[in-house]
Each structure stands twice: as C-alpha cells, then as structure tokens.
Amino acid sequence: MAYTQAKYFLAIVPEGLVQLQATALKNLMKEKFNLKYALKSPAHITLKMPFLWNENKEEKLGDLLAGFCRSIEPFSLNLNGFDKFGKRVIFIHVKKNQDLTDIQLLLSKFCKTELKLVEELSDRAYHPHMTIAFKDIKPKLFDAYWAFIKTQTFKEKLEVNDIALLKKVEGRWEVVRRFDLGK
C-alpha cells in the first residue's frame, strides 16, 4: 500500500444559519472585490492548524480524535462583529471564551503527545476567529475592504456540539468527519 500524505486540520465548523451567514459574507467579498481564497473552505474556527498525516491511517486518526472529543462537553460561543490581523486577514470576531481556550490547549497537548504532531506558534498564541478574507487581500486596497465589511453586521450565538476534521481535496478543504462532544 502506497504511503501518501494528506493535509488535515481541526476546526469548529458551524452548520445552519451561522455557516450560511458567514459564507454569504465571503461571497459578498468575492462579488465586490474578487476576494475568493476564503471560499476554499467552509466557514470555521480553527483549533489545530493544517498538518500532514498518512492518508492510509485516516481512520486511526479519526478514532483517536473521537476518543478525545468524548472528554469535552458541548459549549456556546458568541460571534460578534469583525476584526483584522494587520492588513492580511479580515475575520468575524469570536468573543473570548474560557471553554474554547481550555479545549484548544487540551487539543494542542493531545496532538503533541498522541498524534506526535509538532507544537506550532499558533498552538501557543491562539486567537480564535472566523476568516472572511485573507491570502488574496491586496494591502493597498485593505482600507476599502475594511470600510466595506464594517458596514455589515454579524451577531450570532453558536452552539458547539462537535469538532470537524477537514482534509484538503483537490485544492479545497472538506469536512471528512465530525466528532460529537461529550458522547
């Protein structure tokens, strides 16, 4: 059996209204400014940045993650307004939440010890957010993007009942499995 590495990441991927509204914002940015890179993945809050994993062991990865997720209880997040990282990223603001901070820290430790993944800076300097535009942002046009997004509104409560494993398939990120929390 051939050994092939695939790219994966872990995230909270909302379903329903929150997903529809966040995707609508991404589409607005595409229509108005031709910013489309953020549409390569469903709207999400990253918990573990992309990592390489042997595709033949995807089921084992899923089983390990399912076990981890059983130890985490469902929780709620408040998404309100917009923020940015310099002139590189525009995102929906995730209100500070201790449950989310604790889960990300536990997941980071789990990934290091159980999955043998390297701890990255993003694991230690966690800033939860839901990206609307990034990679194809042109710095000289950033002020126009920012002024536009500030005219929009986003205020939702998100019930988090699962964590998703996403996989890069033909240049796009797809949810390959969801792991229920607390079950």
Protein backbone atom coordinates (compact mmCIF):
# COMPACT_ATOMS: atom_id res chain seq x y z
CA MET A 1 0.00 0.00 0.00
CA ALA A 2 1.43 3.36 -1.03
CA TYR A 3 2.24 5.89 1.67
CA THR A 4 0.55 9.18 0.81
CA GLN A 5 0.49 12.24 3.00
CA ALA A 6 -2.61 14.38 3.04
CA LYS A 7 -3.20 17.74 4.70
CA TYR A 8 -5.73 17.94 7.52
CA PHE A 9 -6.80 20.44 10.14
CA LEU A 10 -9.23 20.54 13.07
CA ALA A 11 -11.91 23.17 13.48
CA ILE A 12 -15.33 24.12 14.71
CA VAL A 13 -17.39 24.15 11.50
CA PRO A 14 -20.84 25.57 12.16
CA GLU A 15 -23.85 24.25 10.33
CA GLY A 16 -27.10 26.04 9.57
CA LEU A 17 -27.58 29.78 9.89
CA VAL A 18 -24.07 30.68 11.10
CA GLN A 19 -22.49 28.82 8.16
CA LEU A 20 -24.92 30.42 5.69
CA GLN A 21 -24.34 33.96 7.01
CA ALA A 22 -20.53 33.63 7.14
CA THR A 23 -20.46 32.15 3.62
CA ALA A 24 -22.69 34.99 2.40
CA LEU A 25 -20.10 37.46 3.72
CA LYS A 26 -17.31 35.60 1.92
CA ASN A 27 -19.39 35.71 -1.27
CA LEU A 28 -20.00 39.45 -0.81
CA MET A 29 -16.23 39.99 -0.61
CA LYS A 30 -15.84 37.94 -3.79
CA GLU A 31 -18.53 39.87 -5.68
CA LYS A 32 -17.32 43.30 -4.56
CA PHE A 33 -13.53 42.81 -4.51
CA ASN A 34 -12.84 39.44 -6.20
CA LEU A 35 -11.53 38.05 -2.89
CA LYS A 36 -12.23 34.36 -3.21
CA TYR A 37 -9.49 32.44 -1.42
CA ALA A 38 -11.53 32.17 1.81
CA LEU A 39 -14.20 30.27 -0.17
CA LYS A 40 -11.83 27.28 -0.45
CA SER A 41 -13.05 26.11 2.96
CA PRO A 42 -16.34 26.21 4.86
CA ALA A 43 -16.57 28.96 7.47
CA HIS A 44 -14.78 27.68 10.57
CA ILE A 45 -12.85 28.43 13.75
CA THR A 46 -9.50 26.66 13.55
CA LEU A 47 -8.46 24.59 16.55
CA LYS A 48 -5.35 22.93 15.03
CA MET A 49 -3.57 24.39 12.01
CA PRO A 50 -3.02 22.19 8.91
CA PHE A 51 -0.77 19.18 9.42
CA LEU A 52 0.37 16.23 7.31
CA TRP A 53 -0.92 12.72 8.08
CA ASN A 54 -0.63 9.37 6.36
CA GLU A 55 -3.86 9.12 4.37
CA ASN A 56 -3.93 5.34 4.85
CA LYS A 57 -4.22 5.95 8.60
CA GLU A 58 -7.08 8.47 8.38
CA GLU A 59 -9.44 6.06 10.15
CA LYS A 60 -6.99 5.68 13.06
CA LEU A 61 -6.69 9.49 13.24
CA GLY A 62 -10.49 9.70 13.38
CA ASP A 63 -10.73 7.09 16.13
CA LEU A 64 -8.13 8.90 18.27
CA LEU A 65 -9.92 12.23 17.78
CA ALA A 66 -13.32 10.67 18.57
CA GLY A 67 -11.90 9.49 21.89
CA PHE A 68 -10.53 12.96 22.66
CA CYS A 69 -13.84 14.64 21.81
CA ARG A 70 -15.81 12.35 24.14
CA SER A 71 -13.98 14.00 27.06
CA ILE A 72 -15.11 17.51 26.04
CA GLU A 73 -18.54 18.90 26.88
CA PRO A 74 -20.57 20.95 24.37
CA PHE A 75 -20.37 24.73 24.87
CA SER A 76 -21.53 28.02 23.34
CA LEU A 77 -19.66 30.78 21.51
CA ASN A 78 -20.69 34.33 20.74
CA LEU A 79 -19.69 35.73 17.36
CA ASN A 80 -19.97 39.48 17.17
CA GLY A 81 -18.64 41.99 14.66
CA PHE A 82 -15.36 41.97 12.77
CA ASP A 83 -11.66 42.28 13.43
CA LYS A 84 -8.41 42.00 11.48
CA PHE A 85 -4.82 40.83 11.66
CA GLY A 86 -2.87 43.78 10.28
CA LYS A 87 -3.69 44.23 6.60
CA ARG A 88 -3.59 40.46 5.97
CA VAL A 89 -6.78 38.92 7.37
CA ILE A 90 -10.39 40.05 7.94
CA PHE A 91 -12.50 37.90 10.22
CA ILE A 92 -15.63 37.53 12.30
CA HIS A 93 -14.76 38.19 15.93
CA VAL A 94 -15.17 35.29 18.37
CA LYS A 95 -15.84 36.63 21.88
CA LYS A 96 -13.28 35.47 24.45
CA ASN A 97 -14.42 32.16 25.90
CA GLN A 98 -12.64 30.11 28.56
CA ASP A 99 -14.15 26.80 27.38
CA LEU A 100 -12.73 27.36 23.89
CA THR A 101 -9.32 28.38 25.26
CA ASP A 102 -9.22 25.29 27.50
CA ILE A 103 -10.27 22.94 24.68
CA GLN A 104 -7.68 24.34 22.27
CA LEU A 105 -4.96 23.90 24.92
CA LEU A 106 -6.05 20.31 25.65
CA LEU A 107 -6.20 19.58 21.91
CA SER A 108 -2.75 21.06 21.37
CA LYS A 109 -1.32 18.77 24.08
CA PHE A 110 -3.25 15.79 22.70
CA CYS A 111 -1.89 16.43 19.17
CA LYS A 112 1.66 16.63 20.51
CA THR A 113 1.52 13.53 22.73
CA GLU A 114 -0.95 11.21 20.97
CA LEU A 115 -0.62 12.23 17.31
CA LYS A 116 3.09 13.14 17.53
CA LEU A 117 2.48 16.46 15.80
CA VAL A 118 4.87 19.36 16.25
CA GLU A 119 3.62 22.15 18.50
CA GLU A 120 3.45 25.35 16.49
CA LEU A 121 3.41 29.02 17.44
CA SER A 122 -0.33 29.09 16.60
CA ASP A 123 -0.87 26.41 19.27
CA ARG A 124 0.64 28.68 21.93
CA ALA A 125 -0.68 32.06 20.69
CA TYR A 126 -4.26 31.01 19.99
CA HIS A 127 -6.58 33.74 18.69
CA PRO A 128 -9.92 32.19 17.65
CA HIS A 129 -11.57 33.79 14.62
CA MET A 130 -13.69 33.00 11.56
CA THR A 131 -11.90 34.21 8.43
CA ILE A 132 -13.79 36.11 5.74
CA ALA A 133 -10.83 37.20 3.59
CA PHE A 134 -7.09 36.52 3.62
CA LYS A 135 -4.39 35.28 1.16
CA ASP A 136 -5.67 37.26 -1.86
CA ILE A 137 -6.01 40.56 0.07
CA LYS A 138 -4.11 43.40 -1.59
CA PRO A 139 -2.61 45.62 1.15
CA LYS A 140 -3.13 48.83 -0.85
CA LEU A 141 -6.88 48.05 -1.08
CA PHE A 142 -7.22 46.89 2.52
CA ASP A 143 -8.82 50.12 3.76
CA ALA A 144 -11.60 49.74 1.17
CA TYR A 145 -12.20 46.10 2.18
CA TRP A 146 -12.25 47.07 5.85
CA ALA A 147 -14.59 50.04 5.33
CA PHE A 148 -16.98 47.77 3.42
CA ILE A 149 -17.03 44.91 5.94
CA LYS A 150 -17.63 47.40 8.78
CA THR A 151 -20.95 48.30 7.08
CA GLN A 152 -22.10 44.69 7.59
CA THR A 153 -23.34 43.13 10.81
CA PHE A 154 -22.70 39.72 12.32
CA LYS A 155 -24.02 38.71 15.73
CA GLU A 156 -24.81 35.08 16.44
CA LYS A 157 -24.61 32.54 19.23
CA LEU A 158 -23.06 29.25 18.15
CA GLU A 159 -23.78 26.00 19.99
CA VAL A 160 -20.66 23.85 19.61
CA ASN A 161 -21.58 20.16 19.71
CA ASP A 162 -18.80 18.70 17.58
CA ILE A 163 -15.32 19.21 16.17
CA ALA A 164 -14.62 18.62 12.49
CA LEU A 165 -11.67 17.02 10.74
CA LEU A 166 -11.07 18.74 7.41
CA LYS A 167 -8.95 17.41 4.57
CA LYS A 168 -7.52 19.16 1.54
CA VAL A 169 -9.05 17.58 -1.55
CA GLU A 170 -8.19 19.00 -4.98
CA GLY A 171 -7.24 22.39 -3.55
CA ARG A 172 -10.33 22.75 -1.33
CA TRP A 173 -10.93 21.91 2.32
CA GLU A 174 -13.74 19.43 3.01
CA VAL A 175 -15.16 18.11 6.28
CA VAL A 176 -14.36 14.39 6.24
CA ARG A 177 -15.63 13.57 9.71
CA ARG A 178 -17.34 15.19 12.70
CA PHE A 179 -16.72 14.13 16.29
CA ASP A 180 -19.53 14.65 18.79
CA LEU A 181 -18.53 16.30 22.04
CA GLY A 182 -19.32 14.57 25.34
CA LYS A 183 -20.61 11.32 23.83
